Amino acid sequence: MDPASRPGLRLILAAFAAVMALEISARWLPVAPVLATGAARIMDIAAVAGLCRIFGQNPAGIGLARNSLLPGLAVGMIWSAGFAAVVCAAGGLLLAFGENPLALVHTQMPEGAPRLVLFFLVGGVIGPAAEELVYRGLLYSFLRRWGAPLAVGGSTLLFVLSHGPGQGISLPRIVGGMVFCLAYERAGSLAAPVVIHILGNTAIFALALASRSVMGV
């Protein structure tokens, strides 16, 4: 991240107003919810990109400098591998004590191959990319001028609340939001949290599928 080119308040307000309007409008689309969500996230990305252009936002100020993308990608892959190792070790311990770790996965998965592919595409790729652009690229970068603790806390709080009151305050989302912030801070590139978010969501969905196959739930 380039401290001299962090996003300003006008861009933040315009971007969040646009995202909120698009998310609310998408609810009225006469399509399946997952399609509406996917359309909203794609429009979010397009709107933020357009507003960044209008306000003259330097890509380096939101973690999108070209020379940072490959290093950020590497950081995201390394962190993801570390988290996977921790999860596998925890799963092994549960199995050793006679517990099925798949029983802890409660994500509801759709039926049928086409719906599953769409679910993975929207929830595993498009959604994470849009969320990282908004909550880490814009919001975290904006708040970072007042210190990392405020940036982590503020962006994580709004990230968790954005998933809706009906979904509750989820500990995994809180931890995830903090991890995404720390990865962004460490790498200085939005590629790092995007990769972690995408791989994390995809892994959760894959485990949910495995749980359904093994346990019939």
Protein backbone atom coordinates (compact mmCIF):
# COMPACT_ATOMS: atom_id res chain seq x y z
CA MET A 1 0.00 0.00 0.00
CA ASP A 2 1.16 3.51 -0.80
CA PRO A 3 0.36 5.79 2.20
CA ALA A 4 0.46 8.86 -0.02
CA SER A 5 -2.30 7.58 -2.29
CA ARG A 6 -4.80 6.06 0.11
CA PRO A 7 -8.46 6.55 -0.83
CA GLY A 8 -10.17 9.70 0.40
CA LEU A 9 -13.47 10.17 2.20
CA ARG A 10 -15.42 11.18 -0.91
CA LEU A 11 -14.45 7.98 -2.72
CA ILE A 12 -15.31 5.88 0.33
CA LEU A 13 -18.75 7.47 0.71
CA ALA A 14 -19.52 7.21 -2.99
CA ALA A 15 -18.35 3.59 -3.18
CA PHE A 16 -20.31 2.42 -0.15
CA ALA A 17 -23.44 4.28 -1.34
CA ALA A 18 -23.14 2.57 -4.72
CA VAL A 19 -22.53 -0.86 -3.21
CA MET A 20 -25.47 -0.49 -0.82
CA ALA A 21 -27.78 0.59 -3.65
CA LEU A 22 -26.67 -2.31 -5.86
CA GLU A 23 -27.03 -4.88 -3.08
CA ILE A 24 -30.54 -3.70 -2.25
CA SER A 25 -31.57 -3.54 -5.91
CA ALA A 26 -30.28 -7.06 -6.58
CA ARG A 27 -32.77 -8.46 -4.08
CA TRP A 28 -35.58 -7.54 -6.46
CA LEU A 29 -34.13 -9.35 -9.46
CA PRO A 30 -36.49 -12.14 -10.65
CA VAL A 31 -33.77 -14.79 -10.51
CA ALA A 32 -32.45 -17.35 -8.04
CA PRO A 33 -30.80 -15.79 -4.96
CA VAL A 34 -27.34 -17.06 -5.87
CA LEU A 35 -27.64 -15.46 -9.32
CA ALA A 36 -28.81 -12.20 -7.76
CA THR A 37 -25.87 -12.27 -5.36
CA GLY A 38 -23.43 -12.96 -8.18
CA ALA A 39 -24.87 -10.11 -10.26
CA ALA A 40 -24.65 -7.75 -7.30
CA ARG A 41 -21.02 -8.63 -6.58
CA ILE A 42 -20.00 -8.18 -10.23
CA MET A 43 -21.75 -4.80 -10.29
CA ASP A 44 -20.03 -3.89 -7.01
CA ILE A 45 -16.63 -4.51 -8.59
CA ALA A 46 -17.56 -2.55 -11.71
CA ALA A 47 -18.95 0.36 -9.68
CA VAL A 48 -15.90 0.58 -7.42
CA ALA A 49 -13.56 0.37 -10.41
CA GLY A 50 -15.49 3.14 -12.16
CA LEU A 51 -15.53 5.37 -9.10
CA CYS A 52 -11.81 4.86 -8.54
CA ARG A 53 -11.26 6.04 -12.10
CA ILE A 54 -13.55 9.04 -11.65
CA PHE A 55 -11.85 10.09 -8.41
CA GLY A 56 -8.38 9.45 -9.83
CA GLN A 57 -7.53 6.79 -7.27
CA ASN A 58 -4.00 5.44 -7.62
CA PRO A 59 -4.15 1.60 -7.73
CA ALA A 60 -1.17 1.44 -5.36
CA GLY A 61 -3.29 3.10 -2.66
CA ILE A 62 -5.74 0.20 -2.62
CA GLY A 63 -3.23 -2.62 -2.93
CA LEU A 64 -3.46 -3.05 -6.69
CA ALA A 65 -0.07 -1.86 -7.85
CA ARG A 66 1.04 -4.19 -10.65
CA ASN A 67 4.43 -4.91 -9.11
CA SER A 68 2.78 -6.05 -5.86
CA LEU A 69 0.33 -8.56 -7.33
CA LEU A 70 2.65 -11.54 -7.80
CA PRO A 71 4.33 -11.14 -4.38
CA GLY A 72 0.85 -10.76 -2.87
CA LEU A 73 -0.28 -13.90 -4.63
CA ALA A 74 2.69 -15.78 -3.16
CA VAL A 75 1.92 -14.51 0.36
CA GLY A 76 -1.72 -15.58 -0.02
CA MET A 77 -0.73 -19.07 -1.15
CA ILE A 78 1.77 -19.50 1.69
CA TRP A 79 -0.69 -18.30 4.34
CA SER A 80 -3.43 -20.53 2.91
CA ALA A 81 -1.12 -23.55 3.02
CA GLY A 82 -0.34 -22.77 6.65
CA PHE A 83 -4.02 -22.53 7.57
CA ALA A 84 -4.72 -25.78 5.72
CA ALA A 85 -1.99 -27.52 7.72
CA VAL A 86 -3.48 -26.24 10.98
CA VAL A 87 -6.99 -27.37 9.98
CA CYS A 88 -5.71 -30.82 8.95
CA ALA A 89 -3.85 -31.18 12.24
CA ALA A 90 -6.96 -30.18 14.20
CA GLY A 91 -9.05 -32.63 12.17
CA GLY A 92 -6.56 -35.38 12.89
CA LEU A 93 -6.77 -34.69 16.62
CA LEU A 94 -10.56 -34.85 16.51
CA LEU A 95 -10.42 -38.18 14.69
CA ALA A 96 -7.94 -39.48 17.26
CA PHE A 97 -10.48 -38.70 19.98
CA GLY A 98 -13.30 -40.38 18.09
CA GLU A 99 -14.94 -37.23 16.73
CA ASN A 100 -15.84 -36.62 13.09
CA PRO A 101 -14.46 -33.19 12.08
CA LEU A 102 -16.90 -33.01 9.16
CA ALA A 103 -19.73 -32.76 11.69
CA LEU A 104 -18.51 -29.24 12.47
CA VAL A 105 -19.17 -28.02 8.92
CA HIS A 106 -22.71 -26.63 8.61
CA THR A 107 -22.73 -24.78 5.28
CA GLN A 108 -25.92 -25.46 3.32
CA MET A 109 -25.08 -26.67 -0.18
CA PRO A 110 -27.47 -26.70 -3.15
CA GLU A 111 -28.51 -29.85 -5.00
CA GLY A 112 -27.51 -30.59 -8.59
CA ALA A 113 -24.27 -30.04 -10.49
CA PRO A 114 -25.25 -26.75 -12.23
CA ARG A 115 -26.33 -25.15 -8.96
CA LEU A 116 -23.19 -26.39 -7.21
CA VAL A 117 -20.93 -24.95 -9.91
CA LEU A 118 -22.74 -21.61 -9.69
CA PHE A 119 -22.55 -21.67 -5.89
CA PHE A 120 -18.79 -22.28 -5.95
CA LEU A 121 -18.30 -19.57 -8.59
CA VAL A 122 -20.29 -16.92 -6.75
CA GLY A 123 -19.47 -17.82 -3.15
CA GLY A 124 -15.96 -19.05 -3.77
CA VAL A 125 -14.61 -16.56 -6.32
CA ILE A 126 -16.77 -13.57 -7.25
CA GLY A 127 -18.00 -12.82 -3.72
CA PRO A 128 -14.55 -12.91 -2.06
CA ALA A 129 -13.02 -10.74 -4.81
CA ALA A 130 -15.72 -8.10 -4.42
CA GLU A 131 -15.60 -8.14 -0.62
CA GLU A 132 -11.83 -7.79 -0.51
CA LEU A 133 -11.92 -4.87 -2.92
CA VAL A 134 -14.49 -3.05 -0.78
CA TYR A 135 -13.50 -3.95 2.79
CA ARG A 136 -9.74 -4.26 2.51
CA GLY A 137 -8.84 -2.38 -0.67
CA LEU A 138 -11.00 0.65 0.09
CA LEU A 139 -12.09 0.65 3.72
CA TYR A 140 -8.97 -0.77 5.36
CA SER A 141 -6.73 1.44 3.23
CA PHE A 142 -8.79 4.50 4.18
CA LEU A 143 -8.76 3.73 7.92
CA ARG A 144 -5.08 2.75 7.92
CA ARG A 145 -4.02 6.42 8.11
CA TRP A 146 -5.14 6.30 11.77
CA GLY A 147 -3.24 3.11 12.58
CA ALA A 148 -3.50 -0.61 11.96
CA PRO A 149 -5.64 -1.47 15.06
CA LEU A 150 -8.41 0.91 14.00
CA ALA A 151 -8.20 -0.26 10.39
CA VAL A 152 -8.41 -3.94 11.39
CA GLY A 153 -11.24 -3.38 13.87
CA GLY A 154 -13.30 -1.03 11.71
CA SER A 155 -13.05 -2.96 8.46
CA THR A 156 -13.63 -6.30 10.18
CA LEU A 157 -16.71 -5.00 12.00
CA LEU A 158 -18.33 -3.72 8.81
CA PHE A 159 -17.31 -6.87 6.96
CA VAL A 160 -19.09 -9.04 9.55
CA LEU A 161 -22.18 -6.80 9.69
CA SER A 162 -22.44 -6.72 5.89
CA HIS A 163 -23.44 -10.38 5.86
CA GLY A 164 -26.77 -9.43 7.40
CA PRO A 165 -28.32 -9.63 10.88
CA GLY A 166 -30.07 -12.87 9.95
CA GLN A 167 -26.70 -14.62 9.72
CA GLY A 168 -25.60 -13.52 13.20
CA ILE A 169 -22.19 -12.48 14.46
CA SER A 170 -20.05 -15.37 13.29
CA LEU A 171 -16.72 -16.05 15.00
CA PRO A 172 -15.24 -17.52 11.78
CA ARG A 173 -16.12 -14.29 9.93
CA ILE A 174 -14.53 -12.19 12.66
CA VAL A 175 -11.36 -14.27 12.58
CA GLY A 176 -11.43 -14.34 8.79
CA GLY A 177 -11.84 -10.58 8.54
CA MET A 178 -8.88 -10.03 10.85
CA VAL A 179 -6.74 -12.54 8.93
CA PHE A 180 -7.56 -10.85 5.62
CA CYS A 181 -6.54 -7.49 7.10
CA LEU A 182 -3.27 -8.84 8.49
CA ALA A 183 -2.42 -10.52 5.18
CA TYR A 184 -3.11 -7.26 3.35
CA GLU A 185 -0.97 -5.36 5.83
CA ARG A 186 1.86 -7.87 5.55
CA ALA A 187 1.88 -8.14 1.75
CA GLY A 188 0.87 -4.61 0.85
CA SER A 189 -1.15 -6.19 -1.94
CA LEU A 190 -4.85 -6.96 -2.25
CA ALA A 191 -3.91 -10.21 -3.99
CA ALA A 192 -2.96 -11.76 -0.64
CA PRO A 193 -6.36 -11.53 1.12
CA VAL A 194 -8.20 -12.27 -2.13
CA VAL A 195 -6.33 -15.58 -2.51
CA ILE A 196 -6.82 -16.52 1.15
CA HIS A 197 -10.52 -15.64 1.01
CA ILE A 198 -11.13 -17.56 -2.22
CA LEU A 199 -9.26 -20.67 -1.10
CA GLY A 200 -10.83 -20.54 2.37
CA ASN A 201 -14.39 -20.32 1.05
CA THR A 202 -13.74 -23.02 -1.54
CA ALA A 203 -12.30 -25.32 1.12
CA ILE A 204 -15.32 -24.79 3.38
CA PHE A 205 -17.70 -25.59 0.53
CA ALA A 206 -15.71 -28.69 -0.40
CA LEU A 207 -15.80 -29.89 3.21
CA ALA A 208 -19.55 -29.25 3.32
CA LEU A 209 -19.97 -31.42 0.24
CA ALA A 210 -17.85 -34.13 1.81
CA SER A 211 -19.90 -33.89 4.99
CA ARG A 212 -23.12 -34.32 3.03
CA SER A 213 -21.74 -37.33 1.16
CA VAL A 214 -20.37 -39.02 4.28
CA MET A 215 -23.07 -38.14 6.78
CA GLY A 216 -26.03 -37.64 4.47
CA VAL A 217 -26.67 -34.10 5.72
